Each structure stands twice: as C-alpha cells, then as structure tokens.
Amino acid sequence: MDKKFILLLAIVIILVLPSLSFGKIGVGVGTGKIQMDEPLKPGSIYTIPPITVFNTGDEASNYQIGVEGRTNIPEIIPNENWFVFEPEIFYLEPGQSQLVQPKIVLPIKGVKPGDYFAFLIASPVQDFKGGRTSIGVAAATKLYFTVVPANIFQAIYYRFLSLYARYHPWSTIILVITLLSIFITVFRKKFKIQIAKK
C-alpha cells in the first residue's frame, strides 16, 4: 500500500473515530436564581417555583436534581434531606426539557433560624456500567430563603396547616366528618332519645 494512503487513513481514523464513538452529554437549567420572598417556618412544606432542565448535549441520558452548599459564605447551608424533587429522575433525549417541581419540607425541630443558601444542581445520572461518567457536567440554580424562629408547638401547628392546605379539599372533608362523629358521640351520651310506639 501507498504510504500516503496509510497516512491519510490514520488521520481519518484519529479525527473521525472519536467523534463517532463518544457522544457529548450536556445539561442546562432555565432558572438562574430563586429567592423565596416570604420567611419559611419550621414544620412547614413549601413549593418552590419549578425548574426547567434541558439536555444540551447530543446524547440521551437520565437526569436528576440535587442540593449542594458552599463554604465560606455568611448564609447557612440547608440539609439536603429537606428537599423533594418531582420527578426525582427523568430521561431526556437531546434537545428535550423537563419541568421539575422542588419542595422544601422543613422539620418540626432542629431548624436553625437565619438566612440560607444552596445550589439546586441538575446533572446527568452517572452510568458506571456503561463506562460513562458525568463528573463535572452540571448546571445550577441559586436558592435563597430565610427561616424564622419557632418553638416545637408552633412548628407542629405550621406542619398541620401545611398538610391541611396541601390536601384540601380532602382535609376539610375528613375534618368535618371527624368533628361530626365526635359531636354525635357526645350528643348520644348526654341525651337519650326514645321513640315511643302508640
């Protein structure tokens, strides 16, 4: 074979083969910053504005959103267990997007009052079985919120209000049925109603 042909074939293999065998995984988010205007109360459940996650690469992948803090800042880093994302993991083809609904579920006790900051980070799910990793591929939304002080009784009350609002109207129906049952039980114990036959 001709040396020029072998050299040209080697150049083609070096330049073309990597682009054919290695796809690019990418991610983007549609929101840069979320600032919760109202102060958050321990025990409460809050719905954060939704975040749109984009597959900016040329390869399909599963994606997720996680929470990360940053050191050397004046704000408090929230616990990642406070966050719920719906959906948790989702599949995106290249160019597709997914709306993710984050929620903050503050515990009843152990929440330090003050200003909080966290990154809500969208990233591809790592696939070690396929030999592919997504280390360093991520996009983030900044989240700021403030938690007000509350004692344990206030926090329990706030949790009740959050659950009540979340499951309305079923929470109202169950509450009315429970109160009506209690009223009927007390009424029967206090008053005896007899119907006499003539």
C-alpha atoms as a PDB file:
ATOM      1  CA  MET A   1       0.000   0.000   0.000  1.00  0.00           C
ATOM      2  CA  ASP A   2       0.996   3.551  -0.614  1.00  0.00           C
ATOM      3  CA  LYS A   3       2.490   5.392   2.385  1.00  0.00           C
ATOM      4  CA  LYS A   4       0.337   8.471   1.622  1.00  0.00           C
ATOM      5  CA  PHE A   5      -2.816   6.350   1.685  1.00  0.00           C
ATOM      6  CA  ILE A   6      -1.861   4.792   5.042  1.00  0.00           C
ATOM      7  CA  LEU A   7      -1.090   8.242   6.466  1.00  0.00           C
ATOM      8  CA  LEU A   8      -4.412   9.624   5.194  1.00  0.00           C
ATOM      9  CA  LEU A   9      -6.265   6.608   6.633  1.00  0.00           C
ATOM     10  CA  ALA A  10      -4.561   7.103  10.008  1.00  0.00           C
ATOM     11  CA  ILE A  11      -5.526  10.815  10.061  1.00  0.00           C
ATOM     12  CA  VAL A  12      -9.142   9.959   9.229  1.00  0.00           C
ATOM     13  CA  ILE A  13      -9.257   7.329  11.983  1.00  0.00           C
ATOM     14  CA  ILE A  14      -7.733   9.735  14.530  1.00  0.00           C
ATOM     15  CA  LEU A  15     -10.082  12.617  13.647  1.00  0.00           C
ATOM     16  CA  VAL A  16     -13.355  10.872  12.818  1.00  0.00           C
ATOM     17  CA  LEU A  17     -13.461   7.812  15.086  1.00  0.00           C
ATOM     18  CA  PRO A  18     -13.532   9.670  18.444  1.00  0.00           C
ATOM     19  CA  SER A  19     -16.422  11.866  17.299  1.00  0.00           C
ATOM     20  CA  LEU A  20     -18.357   8.789  16.204  1.00  0.00           C
ATOM     21  CA  SER A  21     -17.815   6.762  19.365  1.00  0.00           C
ATOM     22  CA  PHE A  22     -18.047   9.433  22.099  1.00  0.00           C
ATOM     23  CA  GLY A  23     -21.225  11.455  22.443  1.00  0.00           C
ATOM     24  CA  LYS A  24     -21.423  14.681  24.366  1.00  0.00           C
ATOM     25  CA  ILE A  25     -23.614  14.776  27.474  1.00  0.00           C
ATOM     26  CA  GLY A  26     -24.865  18.239  28.365  1.00  0.00           C
ATOM     27  CA  VAL A  27     -27.258  19.907  30.792  1.00  0.00           C
ATOM     28  CA  GLY A  28     -28.783  23.334  31.259  1.00  0.00           C
ATOM     29  CA  VAL A  29     -31.355  24.953  33.555  1.00  0.00           C
ATOM     30  CA  GLY A  30     -33.904  27.628  32.730  1.00  0.00           C
ATOM     31  CA  THR A  31     -33.752  29.455  36.069  1.00  0.00           C
ATOM     32  CA  GLY A  32     -30.651  31.186  37.406  1.00  0.00           C
ATOM     33  CA  LYS A  33     -31.894  32.327  40.828  1.00  0.00           C
ATOM     34  CA  ILE A  34     -34.845  31.652  43.138  1.00  0.00           C
ATOM     35  CA  GLN A  35     -35.467  33.988  46.067  1.00  0.00           C
ATOM     36  CA  MET A  36     -38.214  32.911  48.479  1.00  0.00           C
ATOM     37  CA  ASP A  37     -39.858  36.204  49.477  1.00  0.00           C
ATOM     38  CA  GLU A  38     -41.830  35.007  52.493  1.00  0.00           C
ATOM     39  CA  PRO A  39     -39.941  33.719  55.540  1.00  0.00           C
ATOM     40  CA  LEU A  40     -40.147  29.941  55.970  1.00  0.00           C
ATOM     41  CA  LYS A  41     -41.441  28.408  59.208  1.00  0.00           C
ATOM     42  CA  PRO A  42     -40.160  25.171  60.789  1.00  0.00           C
ATOM     43  CA  GLY A  43     -42.588  22.289  60.246  1.00  0.00           C
ATOM     44  CA  SER A  44     -43.994  23.796  57.049  1.00  0.00           C
ATOM     45  CA  ILE A  45     -43.977  22.468  53.492  1.00  0.00           C
ATOM     46  CA  TYR A  46     -43.168  24.929  50.708  1.00  0.00           C
ATOM     47  CA  THR A  47     -43.461  24.634  46.943  1.00  0.00           C
ATOM     48  CA  ILE A  48     -40.560  26.314  45.145  1.00  0.00           C
ATOM     49  CA  PRO A  49     -41.020  27.710  41.619  1.00  0.00           C
ATOM     50  CA  PRO A  50     -40.399  24.917  39.075  1.00  0.00           C
ATOM     51  CA  ILE A  51     -37.047  24.488  37.336  1.00  0.00           C
ATOM     52  CA  THR A  52     -36.722  23.529  33.661  1.00  0.00           C
ATOM     53  CA  VAL A  53     -33.857  21.123  32.923  1.00  0.00           C
ATOM     54  CA  PHE A  54     -32.534  20.855  29.342  1.00  0.00           C
ATOM     55  CA  ASN A  55     -30.454  18.184  27.631  1.00  0.00           C
ATOM     56  CA  THR A  56     -27.970  20.415  25.794  1.00  0.00           C
ATOM     57  CA  GLY A  57     -25.841  17.509  24.594  1.00  0.00           C
ATOM     58  CA  ASP A  58     -26.140  15.176  21.644  1.00  0.00           C
ATOM     59  CA  GLU A  59     -26.703  12.021  23.697  1.00  0.00           C
ATOM     60  CA  ALA A  60     -29.791  10.837  25.625  1.00  0.00           C
ATOM     61  CA  SER A  61     -29.430  10.380  29.373  1.00  0.00           C
ATOM     62  CA  ASN A  62     -31.234  10.174  32.698  1.00  0.00           C
ATOM     63  CA  TYR A  63     -31.103  13.377  34.768  1.00  0.00           C
ATOM     64  CA  GLN A  64     -31.674  14.403  38.380  1.00  0.00           C
ATOM     65  CA  ILE A  65     -31.552  17.485  40.623  1.00  0.00           C
ATOM     66  CA  GLY A  66     -29.602  17.566  43.874  1.00  0.00           C
ATOM     67  CA  VAL A  67     -28.680  20.113  46.539  1.00  0.00           C
ATOM     68  CA  GLU A  68     -25.196  21.408  47.296  1.00  0.00           C
ATOM     69  CA  GLY A  69     -23.942  24.084  49.654  1.00  0.00           C
ATOM     70  CA  ARG A  70     -20.932  26.324  49.511  1.00  0.00           C
ATOM     71  CA  THR A  71     -18.419  27.018  52.255  1.00  0.00           C
ATOM     72  CA  ASN A  72     -17.059  30.442  53.237  1.00  0.00           C
ATOM     73  CA  ILE A  73     -20.401  32.227  52.856  1.00  0.00           C
ATOM     74  CA  PRO A  74     -22.431  34.068  55.504  1.00  0.00           C
ATOM     75  CA  GLU A  75     -25.634  32.062  54.765  1.00  0.00           C
ATOM     76  CA  ILE A  76     -26.475  28.714  56.363  1.00  0.00           C
ATOM     77  CA  ILE A  77     -26.298  25.593  54.157  1.00  0.00           C
ATOM     78  CA  PRO A  78     -29.646  23.721  54.246  1.00  0.00           C
ATOM     79  CA  ASN A  79     -29.863  19.987  54.826  1.00  0.00           C
ATOM     80  CA  GLU A  80     -30.325  18.126  51.518  1.00  0.00           C
ATOM     81  CA  ASN A  81     -32.929  15.875  53.208  1.00  0.00           C
ATOM     82  CA  TRP A  82     -35.275  18.884  53.378  1.00  0.00           C
ATOM     83  CA  PHE A  83     -35.724  18.808  49.587  1.00  0.00           C
ATOM     84  CA  VAL A  84     -38.074  16.753  47.431  1.00  0.00           C
ATOM     85  CA  PHE A  85     -37.961  16.861  43.613  1.00  0.00           C
ATOM     86  CA  GLU A  86     -40.795  15.638  41.388  1.00  0.00           C
ATOM     87  CA  PRO A  87     -39.832  13.795  39.261  1.00  0.00           C
ATOM     88  CA  GLU A  88     -36.722  12.511  41.028  1.00  0.00           C
ATOM     89  CA  ILE A  89     -35.053  11.023  37.942  1.00  0.00           C
ATOM     90  CA  PHE A  90     -36.148  11.639  34.348  1.00  0.00           C
ATOM     91  CA  TYR A  91     -34.995  10.714  30.844  1.00  0.00           C
ATOM     92  CA  LEU A  92     -34.197  13.332  28.198  1.00  0.00           C
ATOM     93  CA  GLU A  93     -33.359  12.943  24.533  1.00  0.00           C
ATOM     94  CA  PRO A  94     -31.045  15.588  23.029  1.00  0.00           C
ATOM     95  CA  GLY A  95     -32.832  18.960  22.909  1.00  0.00           C
ATOM     96  CA  GLN A  96     -35.646  17.853  25.223  1.00  0.00           C
ATOM     97  CA  SER A  97     -36.566  19.532  28.511  1.00  0.00           C
ATOM     98  CA  GLN A  98     -38.325  18.552  31.737  1.00  0.00           C
ATOM     99  CA  LEU A  99     -40.116  20.724  34.291  1.00  0.00           C
ATOM    100  CA  VAL A 100     -39.076  19.688  37.828  1.00  0.00           C
ATOM    101  CA  GLN A 101     -41.104  20.734  40.891  1.00  0.00           C
ATOM    102  CA  PRO A 102     -38.946  21.243  44.013  1.00  0.00           C
ATOM    103  CA  LYS A 103     -40.402  21.339  47.535  1.00  0.00           C
ATOM    104  CA  ILE A 104     -38.868  22.192  50.896  1.00  0.00           C
ATOM    105  CA  VAL A 105     -40.148  20.141  53.849  1.00  0.00           C
ATOM    106  CA  LEU A 106     -38.754  21.800  56.975  1.00  0.00           C
ATOM    107  CA  PRO A 107     -38.509  19.523  60.023  1.00  0.00           C
ATOM    108  CA  ILE A 108     -40.515  20.299  63.149  1.00  0.00           C
ATOM    109  CA  LYS A 109     -37.388  20.594  65.294  1.00  0.00           C
ATOM    110  CA  GLY A 110     -33.701  21.219  64.754  1.00  0.00           C
ATOM    111  CA  VAL A 111     -34.058  24.006  62.174  1.00  0.00           C
ATOM    112  CA  LYS A 112     -31.720  26.913  62.846  1.00  0.00           C
ATOM    113  CA  PRO A 113     -33.301  30.316  62.123  1.00  0.00           C
ATOM    114  CA  GLY A 114     -31.466  32.582  59.676  1.00  0.00           C
ATOM    115  CA  ASP A 115     -30.650  33.139  56.013  1.00  0.00           C
ATOM    116  CA  TYR A 116     -29.998  30.056  53.865  1.00  0.00           C
ATOM    117  CA  PHE A 117     -28.313  29.486  50.500  1.00  0.00           C
ATOM    118  CA  ALA A 118     -27.950  26.414  48.294  1.00  0.00           C
ATOM    119  CA  PHE A 119     -27.340  25.383  44.708  1.00  0.00           C
ATOM    120  CA  LEU A 120     -30.047  23.235  43.108  1.00  0.00           C
ATOM    121  CA  ILE A 121     -27.849  21.283  40.710  1.00  0.00           C
ATOM    122  CA  ALA A 122     -29.145  19.479  37.627  1.00  0.00           C
ATOM    123  CA  SER A 123     -26.851  16.766  36.307  1.00  0.00           C
ATOM    124  CA  PRO A 124     -26.921  13.595  34.250  1.00  0.00           C
ATOM    125  CA  VAL A 125     -27.180  10.403  36.288  1.00  0.00           C
ATOM    126  CA  GLN A 126     -23.825   8.653  36.253  1.00  0.00           C
ATOM    127  CA  ASP A 127     -23.779   5.353  34.371  1.00  0.00           C
ATOM    128  CA  PHE A 128     -20.783   3.369  35.583  1.00  0.00           C
ATOM    129  CA  LYS A 129     -21.990   0.111  33.992  1.00  0.00           C
ATOM    130  CA  GLY A 130     -21.736   1.601  30.530  1.00  0.00           C
ATOM    131  CA  GLY A 131     -18.296   3.004  31.307  1.00  0.00           C
ATOM    132  CA  ARG A 132     -19.616   6.571  31.134  1.00  0.00           C
ATOM    133  CA  THR A 133     -19.453   9.190  33.851  1.00  0.00           C
ATOM    134  CA  SER A 134     -20.804  12.723  34.069  1.00  0.00           C
ATOM    135  CA  ILE A 135     -18.316  14.225  36.500  1.00  0.00           C
ATOM    136  CA  GLY A 136     -18.135  17.979  36.020  1.00  0.00           C
ATOM    137  CA  VAL A 137     -21.257  18.180  33.843  1.00  0.00           C
ATOM    138  CA  ALA A 138     -23.870  20.163  35.767  1.00  0.00           C
ATOM    139  CA  ALA A 139     -25.966  23.322  35.767  1.00  0.00           C
ATOM    140  CA  ALA A 140     -27.189  25.107  38.882  1.00  0.00           C
ATOM    141  CA  THR A 141     -29.937  27.367  40.142  1.00  0.00           C
ATOM    142  CA  LYS A 142     -29.185  29.546  43.183  1.00  0.00           C
ATOM    143  CA  LEU A 143     -31.747  29.302  46.004  1.00  0.00           C
ATOM    144  CA  TYR A 144     -32.083  31.852  48.817  1.00  0.00           C
ATOM    145  CA  PHE A 145     -34.539  31.658  51.724  1.00  0.00           C
ATOM    146  CA  THR A 146     -34.922  32.731  55.348  1.00  0.00           C
ATOM    147  CA  VAL A 147     -36.182  30.592  58.246  1.00  0.00           C
ATOM    148  CA  VAL A 148     -37.869  32.340  61.184  1.00  0.00           C
ATOM    149  CA  PRO A 149     -37.583  31.126  64.789  1.00  0.00           C
ATOM    150  CA  ALA A 150     -40.329  28.826  66.116  1.00  0.00           C
ATOM    151  CA  ASN A 151     -40.788  26.595  69.142  1.00  0.00           C
ATOM    152  CA  ILE A 152     -41.890  22.957  68.861  1.00  0.00           C
ATOM    153  CA  PHE A 153     -45.604  23.766  69.331  1.00  0.00           C
ATOM    154  CA  GLN A 154     -45.550  26.438  66.639  1.00  0.00           C
ATOM    155  CA  ALA A 155     -43.722  24.049  64.286  1.00  0.00           C
ATOM    156  CA  ILE A 156     -46.352  21.326  64.852  1.00  0.00           C
ATOM    157  CA  TYR A 157     -49.067  23.902  64.167  1.00  0.00           C
ATOM    158  CA  TYR A 158     -47.274  25.030  60.955  1.00  0.00           C
ATOM    159  CA  ARG A 159     -46.960  21.397  59.794  1.00  0.00           C
ATOM    160  CA  PHE A 160     -50.704  20.873  60.402  1.00  0.00           C
ATOM    161  CA  LEU A 161     -51.515  23.996  58.359  1.00  0.00           C
ATOM    162  CA  SER A 162     -49.199  22.901  55.522  1.00  0.00           C
ATOM    163  CA  LEU A 163     -50.708  19.422  55.333  1.00  0.00           C
ATOM    164  CA  TYR A 164     -54.212  20.853  55.555  1.00  0.00           C
ATOM    165  CA  ALA A 165     -53.535  23.252  52.657  1.00  0.00           C
ATOM    166  CA  ARG A 166     -51.777  20.567  50.618  1.00  0.00           C
ATOM    167  CA  TYR A 167     -54.598  18.015  50.817  1.00  0.00           C
ATOM    168  CA  HIS A 168     -57.520  20.457  50.582  1.00  0.00           C
ATOM    169  CA  PRO A 169     -60.480  19.750  49.962  1.00  0.00           C
ATOM    170  CA  TRP A 170     -59.995  16.202  51.327  1.00  0.00           C
ATOM    171  CA  SER A 171     -58.522  17.581  54.540  1.00  0.00           C
ATOM    172  CA  THR A 172     -61.674  19.660  55.061  1.00  0.00           C
ATOM    173  CA  ILE A 173     -63.948  16.695  54.375  1.00  0.00           C
ATOM    174  CA  ILE A 174     -62.052  14.462  56.824  1.00  0.00           C
ATOM    175  CA  LEU A 175     -62.019  17.242  59.454  1.00  0.00           C
ATOM    176  CA  VAL A 176     -65.789  17.801  59.111  1.00  0.00           C
ATOM    177  CA  ILE A 177     -66.532  14.051  59.318  1.00  0.00           C
ATOM    178  CA  THR A 178     -64.304  13.718  62.424  1.00  0.00           C
ATOM    179  CA  LEU A 179     -65.931  16.691  64.165  1.00  0.00           C
ATOM    180  CA  LEU A 180     -69.415  15.457  63.234  1.00  0.00           C
ATOM    181  CA  SER A 181     -68.596  11.977  64.620  1.00  0.00           C
ATOM    182  CA  ILE A 182     -67.379  13.500  67.901  1.00  0.00           C
ATOM    183  CA  PHE A 183     -70.488  15.678  68.136  1.00  0.00           C
ATOM    184  CA  ILE A 184     -72.845  12.728  67.518  1.00  0.00           C
ATOM    185  CA  THR A 185     -70.995  10.568  70.089  1.00  0.00           C
ATOM    186  CA  VAL A 186     -71.150  13.296  72.773  1.00  0.00           C
ATOM    187  CA  PHE A 187     -74.764  14.096  71.947  1.00  0.00           C
ATOM    188  CA  ARG A 188     -75.804  10.429  72.305  1.00  0.00           C
ATOM    189  CA  LYS A 189     -74.056  10.138  75.687  1.00  0.00           C
ATOM    190  CA  LYS A 190     -75.661  13.306  77.075  1.00  0.00           C
ATOM    191  CA  PHE A 191     -79.135  12.923  75.655  1.00  0.00           C
ATOM    192  CA  LYS A 192     -81.227   9.819  75.273  1.00  0.00           C
ATOM    193  CA  ILE A 193     -83.787   9.973  72.554  1.00  0.00           C
ATOM    194  CA  GLN A 194     -86.558   7.454  72.745  1.00  0.00           C
ATOM    195  CA  ILE A 195     -89.293   6.994  70.227  1.00  0.00           C
ATOM    196  CA  ALA A 196     -92.414   5.609  71.844  1.00  0.00           C
ATOM    197  CA  LYS A 197     -94.810   3.370  69.934  1.00  0.00           C
ATOM    198  CA  LYS A 198     -98.523   4.119  70.208  1.00  0.00           C
END
